[in-house]
Amino acid sequence: RALNLCTQAWPKRLRFGVPKTLEFFGDRQSELTFQLAIDHMIALGGEPVQFDYAPFAQAATLLYESALVAERLEAIRSFFEQQPDQVMEPVRTIIGQGHRYSAADVFSAWTQLKALEQQTRLVWQSFDVMLVPTAPTHYTIEAMQKDPIALNRNLGHYTNFVNLLDYAALSVPSSLREDGLPFGITLIAPAGSDLQLAELGQRYHHASGMTQGATGLP
């Protein structure tokens, strides 16, 4: 099926949505750096609009904590059941949860998701694109190895809902934190807006002054 990609230009006064309540899991540097990203978007001509992030967060929980995980099991079921040891952790544990859900559980989760789709659809009347942190914090390798599922869920706090709600998204490097660690933002919009997001992301990236990794090239 051919994708219907929107090539319509952004409005001159771009409205970008920012969650009213932001969660950085205690990472003050990321919190401060995201405020710089908001200021940067304003400098590009954007107008920030706050919105209630709660229904998006609820949708995000369905990715790991509902019967919808069975969809991922179904995609690789024959391989997973024949060679489970070939699937690395924590992927094996997450996908393996699909075995414990019934068809009724799947329909229940699907109904929840559809209700959240209706609820979240209303916010797009208030803004054109959503601006969120790509990841709200940084974890060490050691911390990730100790609690990979919970920490991965935290890292996806602002993006785990994107596929479930059928949105398009683009992650863009934004700046370096004071401790030298990278910080990026993600631009999110309704499905089919890929080209629009690429255009906006390119403008944001160029204006940020960031280089191509460690090459030093603009």
C-alpha atoms as a PDB file:
ATOM      1  CA  ARG A   1       0.000   0.000   0.000  1.00  0.00           C
ATOM      2  CA  ALA A   2       1.429   3.359  -1.020  1.00  0.00           C
ATOM      3  CA  LEU A   3       1.967   5.861   1.774  1.00  0.00           C
ATOM      4  CA  ASN A   4       0.073   9.123   1.513  1.00  0.00           C
ATOM      5  CA  LEU A   5       2.864  11.430   2.656  1.00  0.00           C
ATOM      6  CA  CYS A   6       1.834  14.995   3.381  1.00  0.00           C
ATOM      7  CA  THR A   7       3.972  17.665   1.708  1.00  0.00           C
ATOM      8  CA  GLN A   8       1.955  20.616   3.002  1.00  0.00           C
ATOM      9  CA  ALA A   9       4.076  23.396   4.464  1.00  0.00           C
ATOM     10  CA  TRP A  10       3.979  24.181   8.163  1.00  0.00           C
ATOM     11  CA  PRO A  11       1.969  27.271   9.130  1.00  0.00           C
ATOM     12  CA  LYS A  12       3.988  30.481   9.501  1.00  0.00           C
ATOM     13  CA  ARG A  13       3.288  30.518  13.240  1.00  0.00           C
ATOM     14  CA  LEU A  14       4.064  26.911  14.124  1.00  0.00           C
ATOM     15  CA  ARG A  15       2.362  25.713  17.303  1.00  0.00           C
ATOM     16  CA  PHE A  16       4.309  22.978  19.087  1.00  0.00           C
ATOM     17  CA  GLY A  17       2.914  20.963  21.960  1.00  0.00           C
ATOM     18  CA  VAL A  18       4.900  20.459  25.165  1.00  0.00           C
ATOM     19  CA  PRO A  19       3.639  18.262  28.051  1.00  0.00           C
ATOM     20  CA  LYS A  20       2.395  20.284  31.023  1.00  0.00           C
ATOM     21  CA  THR A  21       4.110  17.907  33.416  1.00  0.00           C
ATOM     22  CA  LEU A  22       7.564  16.639  32.462  1.00  0.00           C
ATOM     23  CA  GLU A  23       9.300  13.583  33.909  1.00  0.00           C
ATOM     24  CA  PHE A  24      13.091  13.310  33.823  1.00  0.00           C
ATOM     25  CA  PHE A  25      13.507  10.651  36.530  1.00  0.00           C
ATOM     26  CA  GLY A  26      15.592  12.951  38.690  1.00  0.00           C
ATOM     27  CA  ASP A  27      17.917  14.067  35.891  1.00  0.00           C
ATOM     28  CA  ARG A  28      18.213  17.822  36.368  1.00  0.00           C
ATOM     29  CA  GLN A  29      20.629  18.269  33.466  1.00  0.00           C
ATOM     30  CA  SER A  30      18.179  16.780  30.980  1.00  0.00           C
ATOM     31  CA  GLU A  31      15.416  18.947  32.412  1.00  0.00           C
ATOM     32  CA  LEU A  32      17.444  22.120  31.910  1.00  0.00           C
ATOM     33  CA  THR A  33      18.586  21.065  28.446  1.00  0.00           C
ATOM     34  CA  PHE A  34      15.033  20.399  27.304  1.00  0.00           C
ATOM     35  CA  GLN A  35      14.108  23.942  28.292  1.00  0.00           C
ATOM     36  CA  LEU A  36      16.874  25.093  25.956  1.00  0.00           C
ATOM     37  CA  ALA A  37      15.265  23.003  23.214  1.00  0.00           C
ATOM     38  CA  ILE A  38      11.950  24.753  23.809  1.00  0.00           C
ATOM     39  CA  ASP A  39      13.696  28.118  23.576  1.00  0.00           C
ATOM     40  CA  HIS A  40      15.402  26.971  20.388  1.00  0.00           C
ATOM     41  CA  MET A  41      12.064  26.058  18.795  1.00  0.00           C
ATOM     42  CA  ILE A  42      10.650  29.431  19.800  1.00  0.00           C
ATOM     43  CA  ALA A  43      13.635  31.102  18.107  1.00  0.00           C
ATOM     44  CA  LEU A  44      12.673  29.254  14.924  1.00  0.00           C
ATOM     45  CA  GLY A  45       9.261  30.919  15.052  1.00  0.00           C
ATOM     46  CA  GLY A  46       7.365  28.342  17.083  1.00  0.00           C
ATOM     47  CA  GLU A  47       4.715  28.975  19.719  1.00  0.00           C
ATOM     48  CA  PRO A  48       4.672  26.526  22.670  1.00  0.00           C
ATOM     49  CA  VAL A  49       1.322  25.064  23.704  1.00  0.00           C
ATOM     50  CA  GLN A  50       1.051  22.997  26.882  1.00  0.00           C
ATOM     51  CA  PHE A  51      -1.111  19.873  26.879  1.00  0.00           C
ATOM     52  CA  ASP A  52      -2.111  17.026  29.177  1.00  0.00           C
ATOM     53  CA  TYR A  53       0.330  14.172  28.574  1.00  0.00           C
ATOM     54  CA  ALA A  54      -1.539  11.654  30.772  1.00  0.00           C
ATOM     55  CA  PRO A  55      -3.464   9.820  27.981  1.00  0.00           C
ATOM     56  CA  PHE A  56      -0.276   9.486  25.920  1.00  0.00           C
ATOM     57  CA  ALA A  57       1.511   8.024  28.948  1.00  0.00           C
ATOM     58  CA  GLN A  58      -1.367   5.573  29.419  1.00  0.00           C
ATOM     59  CA  ALA A  59      -1.057   4.475  25.796  1.00  0.00           C
ATOM     60  CA  ALA A  60       2.704   4.040  26.272  1.00  0.00           C
ATOM     61  CA  THR A  61       2.137   1.577  29.139  1.00  0.00           C
ATOM     62  CA  LEU A  62       0.239  -0.723  26.772  1.00  0.00           C
ATOM     63  CA  LEU A  63       3.466  -1.403  24.863  1.00  0.00           C
ATOM     64  CA  TYR A  64       4.986  -3.424  27.718  1.00  0.00           C
ATOM     65  CA  GLU A  65       2.143  -4.018  30.140  1.00  0.00           C
ATOM     66  CA  SER A  66      -0.802  -5.305  28.091  1.00  0.00           C
ATOM     67  CA  ALA A  67      -1.838  -8.142  25.826  1.00  0.00           C
ATOM     68  CA  LEU A  68      -0.687  -6.100  22.828  1.00  0.00           C
ATOM     69  CA  VAL A  69       2.764  -7.583  23.427  1.00  0.00           C
ATOM     70  CA  ALA A  70       1.329 -10.735  21.805  1.00  0.00           C
ATOM     71  CA  GLU A  71       1.564  -8.952  18.448  1.00  0.00           C
ATOM     72  CA  ARG A  72       5.356  -9.041  18.718  1.00  0.00           C
ATOM     73  CA  LEU A  73       5.255 -12.714  19.659  1.00  0.00           C
ATOM     74  CA  GLU A  74       3.085 -13.523  16.654  1.00  0.00           C
ATOM     75  CA  ALA A  75       5.553 -11.823  14.301  1.00  0.00           C
ATOM     76  CA  ILE A  76       8.393 -14.233  15.236  1.00  0.00           C
ATOM     77  CA  ARG A  77       6.402 -17.044  16.846  1.00  0.00           C
ATOM     78  CA  SER A  78       7.855 -20.049  15.000  1.00  0.00           C
ATOM     79  CA  PHE A  79      11.432 -18.887  15.533  1.00  0.00           C
ATOM     80  CA  PHE A  80      10.789 -17.856  19.142  1.00  0.00           C
ATOM     81  CA  GLU A  81       9.235 -21.183  20.111  1.00  0.00           C
ATOM     82  CA  GLN A  82      11.856 -23.272  18.323  1.00  0.00           C
ATOM     83  CA  GLN A  83      14.942 -21.309  19.387  1.00  0.00           C
ATOM     84  CA  PRO A  84      14.122 -19.172  22.444  1.00  0.00           C
ATOM     85  CA  ASP A  85      17.754 -19.215  23.590  1.00  0.00           C
ATOM     86  CA  GLN A  86      18.716 -17.339  20.422  1.00  0.00           C
ATOM     87  CA  VAL A  87      16.692 -14.314  21.536  1.00  0.00           C
ATOM     88  CA  MET A  88      18.657 -12.005  23.818  1.00  0.00           C
ATOM     89  CA  GLU A  89      17.401 -10.666  27.105  1.00  0.00           C
ATOM     90  CA  PRO A  90      15.383  -8.630  27.922  1.00  0.00           C
ATOM     91  CA  VAL A  91      13.681  -9.106  24.541  1.00  0.00           C
ATOM     92  CA  ARG A  92      13.032 -12.786  25.321  1.00  0.00           C
ATOM     93  CA  THR A  93      11.262 -11.987  28.575  1.00  0.00           C
ATOM     94  CA  ILE A  94       9.186  -9.171  27.083  1.00  0.00           C
ATOM     95  CA  ILE A  95       8.033 -11.124  24.022  1.00  0.00           C
ATOM     96  CA  GLY A  96       7.557 -14.293  26.066  1.00  0.00           C
ATOM     97  CA  GLN A  97       4.838 -12.524  28.045  1.00  0.00           C
ATOM     98  CA  GLY A  98       2.657 -12.852  24.964  1.00  0.00           C
ATOM     99  CA  HIS A  99       2.069 -16.519  25.800  1.00  0.00           C
ATOM    100  CA  ARG A 100       0.080 -15.733  28.930  1.00  0.00           C
ATOM    101  CA  TYR A 101      -2.640 -13.613  27.328  1.00  0.00           C
ATOM    102  CA  SER A 102      -5.955 -14.835  25.941  1.00  0.00           C
ATOM    103  CA  ALA A 103      -7.793 -13.577  22.866  1.00  0.00           C
ATOM    104  CA  ALA A 104     -10.189 -11.779  25.210  1.00  0.00           C
ATOM    105  CA  ASP A 105      -7.228  -9.997  26.812  1.00  0.00           C
ATOM    106  CA  VAL A 106      -6.076  -8.788  23.398  1.00  0.00           C
ATOM    107  CA  PHE A 107      -9.518  -7.369  22.585  1.00  0.00           C
ATOM    108  CA  SER A 108      -9.617  -5.683  25.999  1.00  0.00           C
ATOM    109  CA  ALA A 109      -6.244  -4.009  25.384  1.00  0.00           C
ATOM    110  CA  TRP A 110      -7.303  -3.057  21.858  1.00  0.00           C
ATOM    111  CA  THR A 111     -10.453  -1.420  23.224  1.00  0.00           C
ATOM    112  CA  GLN A 112      -8.354   0.575  25.698  1.00  0.00           C
ATOM    113  CA  LEU A 113      -6.065   1.696  22.902  1.00  0.00           C
ATOM    114  CA  LYS A 114      -8.960   2.786  20.682  1.00  0.00           C
ATOM    115  CA  ALA A 115     -10.441   4.814  23.549  1.00  0.00           C
ATOM    116  CA  LEU A 116      -7.084   6.538  24.051  1.00  0.00           C
ATOM    117  CA  GLU A 117      -6.857   7.226  20.314  1.00  0.00           C
ATOM    118  CA  GLN A 118     -10.156   9.096  20.499  1.00  0.00           C
ATOM    119  CA  GLN A 119      -9.035  11.011  23.576  1.00  0.00           C
ATOM    120  CA  THR A 120      -5.633  12.023  22.223  1.00  0.00           C
ATOM    121  CA  ARG A 121      -7.020  13.018  18.837  1.00  0.00           C
ATOM    122  CA  LEU A 122      -8.492  16.159  20.369  1.00  0.00           C
ATOM    123  CA  VAL A 123      -5.124  17.656  21.333  1.00  0.00           C
ATOM    124  CA  TRP A 124      -4.105  18.048  17.689  1.00  0.00           C
ATOM    125  CA  GLN A 125      -6.634  20.854  17.397  1.00  0.00           C
ATOM    126  CA  SER A 126      -4.352  22.884  19.671  1.00  0.00           C
ATOM    127  CA  PHE A 127      -0.956  22.391  18.011  1.00  0.00           C
ATOM    128  CA  ASP A 128       0.746  21.212  14.821  1.00  0.00           C
ATOM    129  CA  VAL A 129       3.638  19.128  16.125  1.00  0.00           C
ATOM    130  CA  MET A 130       4.657  17.673  19.468  1.00  0.00           C
ATOM    131  CA  LEU A 131       8.075  18.370  20.986  1.00  0.00           C
ATOM    132  CA  VAL A 132       9.356  15.901  23.598  1.00  0.00           C
ATOM    133  CA  PRO A 133      12.712  14.626  24.867  1.00  0.00           C
ATOM    134  CA  THR A 134      13.898  11.614  22.887  1.00  0.00           C
ATOM    135  CA  ALA A 135      15.098  10.109  26.182  1.00  0.00           C
ATOM    136  CA  PRO A 136      14.498  11.788  29.544  1.00  0.00           C
ATOM    137  CA  THR A 137      17.756  10.648  31.143  1.00  0.00           C
ATOM    138  CA  HIS A 138      20.967   8.640  30.725  1.00  0.00           C
ATOM    139  CA  TYR A 139      21.667   5.318  32.449  1.00  0.00           C
ATOM    140  CA  THR A 140      24.955   3.500  32.872  1.00  0.00           C
ATOM    141  CA  ILE A 141      25.459   0.102  31.258  1.00  0.00           C
ATOM    142  CA  GLU A 142      25.643  -1.431  34.730  1.00  0.00           C
ATOM    143  CA  ALA A 143      22.277   0.050  35.728  1.00  0.00           C
ATOM    144  CA  MET A 144      20.665  -1.159  32.494  1.00  0.00           C
ATOM    145  CA  GLN A 145      21.944  -4.681  33.030  1.00  0.00           C
ATOM    146  CA  LYS A 146      20.466  -4.793  36.527  1.00  0.00           C
ATOM    147  CA  ASP A 147      16.966  -3.643  35.541  1.00  0.00           C
ATOM    148  CA  PRO A 148      16.690  -3.541  31.738  1.00  0.00           C
ATOM    149  CA  ILE A 149      12.908  -3.710  31.328  1.00  0.00           C
ATOM    150  CA  ALA A 150      12.013  -0.928  33.775  1.00  0.00           C
ATOM    151  CA  LEU A 151      14.806   1.368  32.605  1.00  0.00           C
ATOM    152  CA  ASN A 152      13.997   0.806  28.933  1.00  0.00           C
ATOM    153  CA  ARG A 153      10.427   1.733  29.764  1.00  0.00           C
ATOM    154  CA  ASN A 154      11.710   4.949  31.344  1.00  0.00           C
ATOM    155  CA  LEU A 155      13.854   5.758  28.314  1.00  0.00           C
ATOM    156  CA  GLY A 156      10.796   5.369  26.084  1.00  0.00           C
ATOM    157  CA  HIS A 157       8.569   7.456  28.345  1.00  0.00           C
ATOM    158  CA  TYR A 158       8.019  10.053  25.608  1.00  0.00           C
ATOM    159  CA  THR A 159       8.041   7.784  22.560  1.00  0.00           C
ATOM    160  CA  ASN A 160       6.532   4.370  23.424  1.00  0.00           C
ATOM    161  CA  PHE A 161       3.064   5.498  22.341  1.00  0.00           C
ATOM    162  CA  VAL A 162       4.053   6.604  18.822  1.00  0.00           C
ATOM    163  CA  ASN A 163       3.536   3.342  16.915  1.00  0.00           C
ATOM    164  CA  LEU A 164       0.515   2.359  18.993  1.00  0.00           C
ATOM    165  CA  LEU A 165      -1.298   5.599  18.119  1.00  0.00           C
ATOM    166  CA  ASP A 166      -0.116   5.514  14.481  1.00  0.00           C
ATOM    167  CA  TYR A 167       1.959   8.692  14.544  1.00  0.00           C
ATOM    168  CA  ALA A 168       5.064   9.720  12.650  1.00  0.00           C
ATOM    169  CA  ALA A 169       8.140  10.765  14.628  1.00  0.00           C
ATOM    170  CA  LEU A 170      11.650  12.063  14.014  1.00  0.00           C
ATOM    171  CA  SER A 171      14.477  12.174  16.533  1.00  0.00           C
ATOM    172  CA  VAL A 172      16.857  15.120  16.131  1.00  0.00           C
ATOM    173  CA  PRO A 173      20.135  15.912  17.934  1.00  0.00           C
ATOM    174  CA  SER A 174      19.601  19.066  19.965  1.00  0.00           C
ATOM    175  CA  SER A 175      22.635  19.913  22.099  1.00  0.00           C
ATOM    176  CA  LEU A 176      25.245  18.641  24.523  1.00  0.00           C
ATOM    177  CA  ARG A 177      24.496  18.782  28.229  1.00  0.00           C
ATOM    178  CA  GLU A 178      26.883  20.449  30.658  1.00  0.00           C
ATOM    179  CA  ASP A 179      28.370  17.032  31.459  1.00  0.00           C
ATOM    180  CA  GLY A 180      29.121  16.442  27.765  1.00  0.00           C
ATOM    181  CA  LEU A 181      26.423  13.825  27.249  1.00  0.00           C
ATOM    182  CA  PRO A 182      24.148  14.241  24.208  1.00  0.00           C
ATOM    183  CA  PHE A 183      20.536  15.343  24.346  1.00  0.00           C
ATOM    184  CA  GLY A 184      18.002  14.963  21.565  1.00  0.00           C
ATOM    185  CA  ILE A 185      14.413  15.923  20.929  1.00  0.00           C
ATOM    186  CA  THR A 186      11.696  14.033  19.082  1.00  0.00           C
ATOM    187  CA  LEU A 187       9.166  15.707  16.819  1.00  0.00           C
ATOM    188  CA  ILE A 188       5.838  13.871  16.598  1.00  0.00           C
ATOM    189  CA  ALA A 189       2.885  14.448  14.283  1.00  0.00           C
ATOM    190  CA  PRO A 190      -0.014  12.439  12.793  1.00  0.00           C
ATOM    191  CA  ALA A 191       0.682   9.597  10.355  1.00  0.00           C
ATOM    192  CA  GLY A 192       1.775  10.664   6.900  1.00  0.00           C
ATOM    193  CA  SER A 193       3.646  13.755   8.053  1.00  0.00           C
ATOM    194  CA  ASP A 194       7.089  12.208   7.560  1.00  0.00           C
ATOM    195  CA  LEU A 195       8.269  14.719   4.953  1.00  0.00           C
ATOM    196  CA  GLN A 196       7.031  17.659   7.013  1.00  0.00           C
ATOM    197  CA  LEU A 197       8.895  16.350  10.051  1.00  0.00           C
ATOM    198  CA  ALA A 198      12.058  15.831   8.004  1.00  0.00           C
ATOM    199  CA  GLU A 199      11.929  19.447   6.812  1.00  0.00           C
ATOM    200  CA  LEU A 200      11.363  20.823  10.312  1.00  0.00           C
ATOM    201  CA  GLY A 201      13.958  18.493  11.810  1.00  0.00           C
ATOM    202  CA  GLN A 202      16.539  19.602   9.275  1.00  0.00           C
ATOM    203  CA  ARG A 203      15.925  23.281  10.045  1.00  0.00           C
ATOM    204  CA  TYR A 204      16.137  22.621  13.781  1.00  0.00           C
ATOM    205  CA  HIS A 205      19.313  20.529  13.404  1.00  0.00           C
ATOM    206  CA  HIS A 206      21.080  23.113  11.237  1.00  0.00           C
ATOM    207  CA  ALA A 207      20.135  25.965  13.557  1.00  0.00           C
ATOM    208  CA  SER A 208      21.372  24.039  16.612  1.00  0.00           C
ATOM    209  CA  GLY A 209      24.991  24.331  15.479  1.00  0.00           C
ATOM    210  CA  MET A 210      25.555  20.633  16.182  1.00  0.00           C
ATOM    211  CA  THR A 211      28.166  18.855  14.065  1.00  0.00           C
ATOM    212  CA  GLN A 212      28.154  15.460  12.359  1.00  0.00           C
ATOM    213  CA  GLY A 213      29.092  13.442  15.423  1.00  0.00           C
ATOM    214  CA  ALA A 214      32.754  13.829  16.355  1.00  0.00           C
ATOM    215  CA  THR A 215      33.813  14.846  12.844  1.00  0.00           C
ATOM    216  CA  GLY A 216      33.519  18.549  13.559  1.00  0.00           C
ATOM    217  CA  LEU A 217      31.784  19.012  10.200  1.00  0.00           C
ATOM    218  CA  PRO A 218      28.634  21.168  10.191  1.00  0.00           C
END
